[in-house]
Amino acid sequence: MIGMVSHAPSPASASASGGTPPASGRRHPHPDGVGGSPPGPTVGFDLDMTLIDSRPGIHATWRRLAAETGVAIDADLIVTRLGPPLVQEMAYWFPEEEIPAMAERYRALYPDHAIEPTTALPGAREALEAVRAAGGRTLVVTAKHGPSAKLHLDHLGLAPDVLVGELWAEGKAEALTAHGAAVYVGDHVGDVRGARMAGARSVAVATGPCDESELAEAGADVVLPDLTAFPGWFAGLTRG
């Protein structure tokens, strides 16, 4: 099951959910394309290191957690391997029995330490707008805790039609399939696997921990240097 936030039409009016309701029954209908043309495709995006550079905020949150717990956590290392769920990273620093409590504390610290330092990556706004301009719908599917993801999107003024949190790698296929995504854009080989599992076109951007060769070897259909190249690529897709 998946946790979802639907945005319609602005971040201020969106509703947040930290739970895991099913994706069905929560879609907002998108108008047909301009001039009676068919609506454009639904395009999914990853969040961390695809749409946003959350490294400074994540770094600050881990440093705060280290200060509180006295554990020697290497925040510099952590921000080089963003992508997998929080609990996987926690396993490097805490005993298994402590992970649930430490994850809860990290998420409590996150709003005060991670949101303000985070920025939109180059091309993020233009990529979302390119999909909307073609009459399509935008979907963010991330391994991040849903309420934390929504805080980032609202702070930066990025408003996807749908937000789904706490899904990773092949698990992302659940949301991509439920919302009929034709394309999924991400920076990690796990995003490539999720797209392929869903039967969506995998568009990879080399702005995260995986370089272009890794993304191509994982099976990405398209590898772009960053999102600034997405509108041009997407225009060719919709024309074709």
Protein backbone atom coordinates (compact mmCIF):
# COMPACT_ATOMS: atom_id res chain seq x y z
CA MET A 1 0.00 0.00 0.00
CA ILE A 2 1.17 3.50 -0.67
CA GLY A 3 1.02 6.86 1.08
CA MET A 4 -0.21 9.63 -1.19
CA VAL A 5 -0.74 13.36 -1.30
CA SER A 6 -2.75 14.87 -4.14
CA HIS A 7 -2.13 18.51 -5.10
CA ALA A 8 -4.94 20.45 -6.69
CA PRO A 9 -4.25 23.05 -7.85
CA SER A 10 -1.65 24.59 -5.51
CA PRO A 11 0.55 23.47 -2.62
CA ALA A 12 -1.55 25.52 -0.19
CA SER A 13 -4.66 23.54 -0.99
CA ALA A 14 -3.00 20.12 -1.04
CA SER A 15 -3.76 17.56 1.63
CA ALA A 16 -0.97 15.59 3.28
CA SER A 17 -0.95 12.02 4.44
CA GLY A 18 1.72 10.17 6.34
CA GLY A 19 -0.28 6.95 6.20
CA THR A 20 -0.59 4.45 3.42
CA PRO A 21 -3.99 4.74 1.72
CA PRO A 22 -4.44 3.09 -1.67
CA ALA A 23 -3.75 5.19 -4.73
CA SER A 24 -7.12 4.51 -6.30
CA GLY A 25 -9.91 7.01 -5.86
CA ARG A 26 -7.61 9.95 -5.12
CA ARG A 27 -6.80 11.18 -8.63
CA HIS A 28 -7.67 14.66 -9.79
CA PRO A 29 -8.90 14.69 -13.39
CA HIS A 30 -6.69 16.63 -15.75
CA PRO A 31 -8.26 18.62 -18.59
CA ASP A 32 -7.80 17.51 -22.14
CA GLY A 33 -5.02 19.02 -24.15
CA VAL A 34 -5.37 22.45 -25.66
CA GLY A 35 -7.60 22.73 -28.70
CA GLY A 36 -9.20 19.32 -28.25
CA SER A 37 -5.94 17.41 -28.62
CA PRO A 38 -5.52 14.27 -26.48
CA PRO A 39 -4.18 14.77 -22.96
CA GLY A 40 -0.46 14.33 -22.56
CA PRO A 41 1.21 11.48 -20.69
CA THR A 42 1.53 11.14 -16.94
CA VAL A 43 5.16 11.57 -15.94
CA GLY A 44 6.58 10.50 -12.61
CA PHE A 45 9.59 12.06 -10.92
CA ASP A 46 11.78 11.02 -8.03
CA LEU A 47 12.41 13.74 -5.43
CA ASP A 48 15.84 13.74 -3.76
CA MET A 49 18.62 14.56 -6.23
CA THR A 50 16.16 14.50 -9.14
CA LEU A 51 13.93 17.50 -8.42
CA ILE A 52 15.66 18.81 -5.30
CA ASP A 53 19.15 19.00 -3.84
CA SER A 54 18.39 17.92 -0.29
CA ARG A 55 22.00 17.14 0.66
CA PRO A 56 22.53 20.23 2.86
CA GLY A 57 19.34 19.64 4.82
CA ILE A 58 19.85 15.90 5.21
CA HIS A 59 23.44 16.53 6.28
CA ALA A 60 22.28 19.01 8.93
CA THR A 61 19.62 16.63 10.24
CA TRP A 62 22.04 13.73 10.60
CA ARG A 63 24.55 15.98 12.37
CA ARG A 64 21.86 17.01 14.82
CA LEU A 65 20.93 13.39 15.44
CA ALA A 66 24.60 12.55 15.99
CA ALA A 67 24.89 15.36 18.51
CA GLU A 68 21.84 14.15 20.41
CA THR A 69 22.83 10.48 20.47
CA GLY A 70 26.61 10.73 20.72
CA VAL A 71 26.96 8.34 17.79
CA ALA A 72 29.77 9.11 15.35
CA ILE A 73 27.63 9.42 12.22
CA ASP A 74 29.44 10.33 8.99
CA ALA A 75 26.98 12.78 7.43
CA ASP A 76 29.43 13.53 4.62
CA LEU A 77 29.29 9.88 3.56
CA ILE A 78 25.52 9.64 3.91
CA VAL A 79 24.81 12.44 1.44
CA THR A 80 26.88 10.67 -1.24
CA ARG A 81 24.46 7.73 -1.34
CA LEU A 82 20.97 9.20 -1.10
CA GLY A 83 18.11 7.20 -2.56
CA PRO A 84 17.31 4.15 -0.44
CA PRO A 85 14.85 4.39 2.47
CA LEU A 86 15.90 6.03 5.72
CA VAL A 87 15.83 2.78 7.70
CA GLN A 88 18.45 1.27 5.39
CA GLU A 89 20.84 4.12 6.17
CA MET A 90 19.99 3.92 9.86
CA ALA A 91 21.22 0.31 9.88
CA TYR A 92 24.78 1.52 9.33
CA TRP A 93 24.74 3.56 12.55
CA PHE A 94 22.35 2.01 15.05
CA PRO A 95 21.52 -1.49 16.35
CA GLU A 96 18.44 -3.00 14.74
CA GLU A 97 16.32 -2.62 17.85
CA GLU A 98 17.02 1.12 17.99
CA ILE A 99 16.23 1.90 14.35
CA PRO A 100 12.47 2.58 14.72
CA ALA A 101 13.01 5.10 17.51
CA MET A 102 15.95 6.75 15.74
CA ALA A 103 13.99 7.01 12.49
CA GLU A 104 11.13 8.62 14.37
CA ARG A 105 13.51 11.12 15.99
CA TYR A 106 15.17 11.91 12.65
CA ARG A 107 11.79 12.64 11.10
CA ALA A 108 10.90 14.88 14.03
CA LEU A 109 14.12 16.85 13.54
CA TYR A 110 13.74 17.03 9.78
CA PRO A 111 11.34 19.99 9.40
CA ASP A 112 13.53 22.33 11.47
CA HIS A 113 16.85 21.33 9.90
CA ALA A 114 16.29 20.05 6.37
CA ILE A 115 13.70 22.18 4.61
CA GLU A 116 15.24 25.64 4.52
CA PRO A 117 18.69 24.60 3.17
CA THR A 118 17.24 22.48 0.35
CA THR A 119 17.04 23.91 -3.16
CA ALA A 120 15.36 22.95 -6.41
CA LEU A 121 17.78 21.41 -8.87
CA PRO A 122 18.34 23.19 -12.20
CA GLY A 123 15.49 22.47 -14.59
CA ALA A 124 13.11 21.08 -11.96
CA ARG A 125 10.40 23.69 -12.41
CA GLU A 126 10.77 23.68 -16.17
CA ALA A 127 10.48 19.88 -16.29
CA LEU A 128 7.21 19.90 -14.37
CA GLU A 129 5.90 22.76 -16.49
CA ALA A 130 6.81 20.97 -19.72
CA VAL A 131 4.55 18.08 -18.74
CA ARG A 132 1.70 20.40 -17.82
CA ALA A 133 2.10 22.41 -21.02
CA ALA A 134 1.63 19.20 -22.99
CA GLY A 135 -1.61 18.47 -21.11
CA GLY A 136 0.01 15.80 -18.97
CA ARG A 137 -0.03 15.06 -15.25
CA THR A 138 2.91 15.05 -12.85
CA LEU A 139 3.53 12.47 -10.17
CA VAL A 140 6.30 12.45 -7.54
CA VAL A 141 7.17 9.00 -6.21
CA THR A 142 9.85 8.96 -3.53
CA ALA A 143 11.30 6.77 -0.81
CA LYS A 144 11.11 9.79 1.51
CA HIS A 145 8.54 10.04 4.32
CA GLY A 146 5.46 11.56 2.68
CA PRO A 147 4.98 14.55 5.03
CA SER A 148 8.68 15.45 4.74
CA ALA A 149 8.46 15.30 0.95
CA LYS A 150 5.42 17.57 0.98
CA LEU A 151 7.24 20.13 3.13
CA HIS A 152 9.99 20.31 0.51
CA LEU A 153 7.57 20.67 -2.38
CA ASP A 154 5.54 23.35 -0.65
CA HIS A 155 8.62 25.29 0.45
CA LEU A 156 10.02 25.33 -3.09
CA GLY A 157 6.70 25.95 -4.84
CA LEU A 158 6.81 22.66 -6.73
CA ALA A 159 3.28 21.27 -7.07
CA PRO A 160 2.92 17.84 -8.67
CA ASP A 161 -0.59 16.55 -9.23
CA VAL A 162 0.14 13.60 -6.95
CA LEU A 163 2.78 12.82 -4.32
CA VAL A 164 3.45 9.26 -3.16
CA GLY A 165 5.97 8.63 -0.41
CA GLU A 166 7.82 5.70 1.14
CA LEU A 167 8.26 3.59 -1.99
CA TRP A 168 11.68 2.45 -3.16
CA ALA A 169 13.08 0.81 -6.30
CA GLU A 170 10.72 -1.88 -7.65
CA GLY A 171 8.17 -0.81 -5.05
CA LYS A 172 7.70 2.44 -6.94
CA ALA A 173 6.05 0.45 -9.71
CA GLU A 174 2.92 0.21 -7.54
CA ALA A 175 2.30 3.96 -7.70
CA LEU A 176 3.53 4.34 -11.29
CA THR A 177 1.14 1.63 -12.45
CA ALA A 178 -1.77 2.91 -10.34
CA HIS A 179 -1.47 6.37 -11.91
CA GLY A 180 -0.74 5.21 -15.45
CA ALA A 181 2.72 6.79 -15.64
CA ALA A 182 4.25 6.49 -19.09
CA VAL A 183 7.60 7.94 -17.98
CA TYR A 184 9.52 7.89 -14.71
CA VAL A 185 12.46 10.23 -14.13
CA GLY A 186 15.03 9.48 -11.44
CA ASP A 187 18.68 9.68 -10.51
CA HIS A 188 19.28 6.23 -9.01
CA VAL A 189 19.51 2.73 -10.46
CA GLY A 190 16.65 1.88 -8.10
CA ASP A 191 14.52 4.40 -10.02
CA VAL A 192 15.41 2.65 -13.25
CA ARG A 193 14.30 -0.67 -11.80
CA GLY A 194 11.03 0.84 -10.61
CA ALA A 195 10.28 2.30 -14.03
CA ARG A 196 11.04 -0.97 -15.79
CA MET A 197 8.89 -2.93 -13.35
CA ALA A 198 5.99 -0.59 -14.14
CA GLY A 199 6.51 -0.78 -17.89
CA ALA A 200 7.25 2.96 -17.97
CA ARG A 201 9.97 4.64 -19.98
CA SER A 202 12.97 5.15 -17.71
CA VAL A 203 14.56 8.59 -17.98
CA ALA A 204 17.62 8.89 -15.77
CA VAL A 205 19.38 12.07 -14.73
CA ALA A 206 23.01 11.98 -13.57
CA THR A 207 22.50 14.40 -10.67
CA GLY A 208 22.56 11.86 -7.86
CA PRO A 209 24.86 9.10 -6.64
CA CYS A 210 24.83 7.10 -9.89
CA ASP A 211 26.80 8.25 -12.92
CA GLU A 212 25.65 8.07 -16.52
CA SER A 213 27.29 4.70 -17.20
CA GLU A 214 25.72 3.10 -14.12
CA LEU A 215 22.30 4.39 -15.10
CA ALA A 216 22.66 3.15 -18.67
CA GLU A 217 23.89 -0.26 -17.53
CA ALA A 218 20.89 -0.53 -15.20
CA GLY A 219 18.62 -0.28 -18.26
CA ALA A 220 17.60 3.38 -18.47
CA ASP A 221 15.97 4.15 -21.80
CA VAL A 222 17.36 7.69 -21.76
CA VAL A 223 20.18 9.22 -19.69
CA LEU A 224 20.27 13.01 -19.37
CA PRO A 225 22.94 15.08 -17.62
CA ASP A 226 20.26 16.89 -15.59
CA LEU A 227 16.67 18.11 -15.81
CA THR A 228 17.56 21.13 -17.94
CA ALA A 229 17.65 18.67 -20.84
CA PHE A 230 14.24 17.19 -20.04
CA PRO A 231 11.91 19.70 -21.77
CA GLY A 232 13.67 19.26 -25.11
CA TRP A 233 13.61 15.48 -24.80
CA PHE A 234 9.97 15.49 -23.71
CA ALA A 235 8.97 17.75 -26.60
CA GLY A 236 10.40 15.16 -28.99
CA LEU A 237 8.52 12.38 -27.23
CA THR A 238 5.17 14.15 -27.41
CA ARG A 239 5.68 15.15 -31.04
CA GLY A 240 6.55 11.60 -31.98
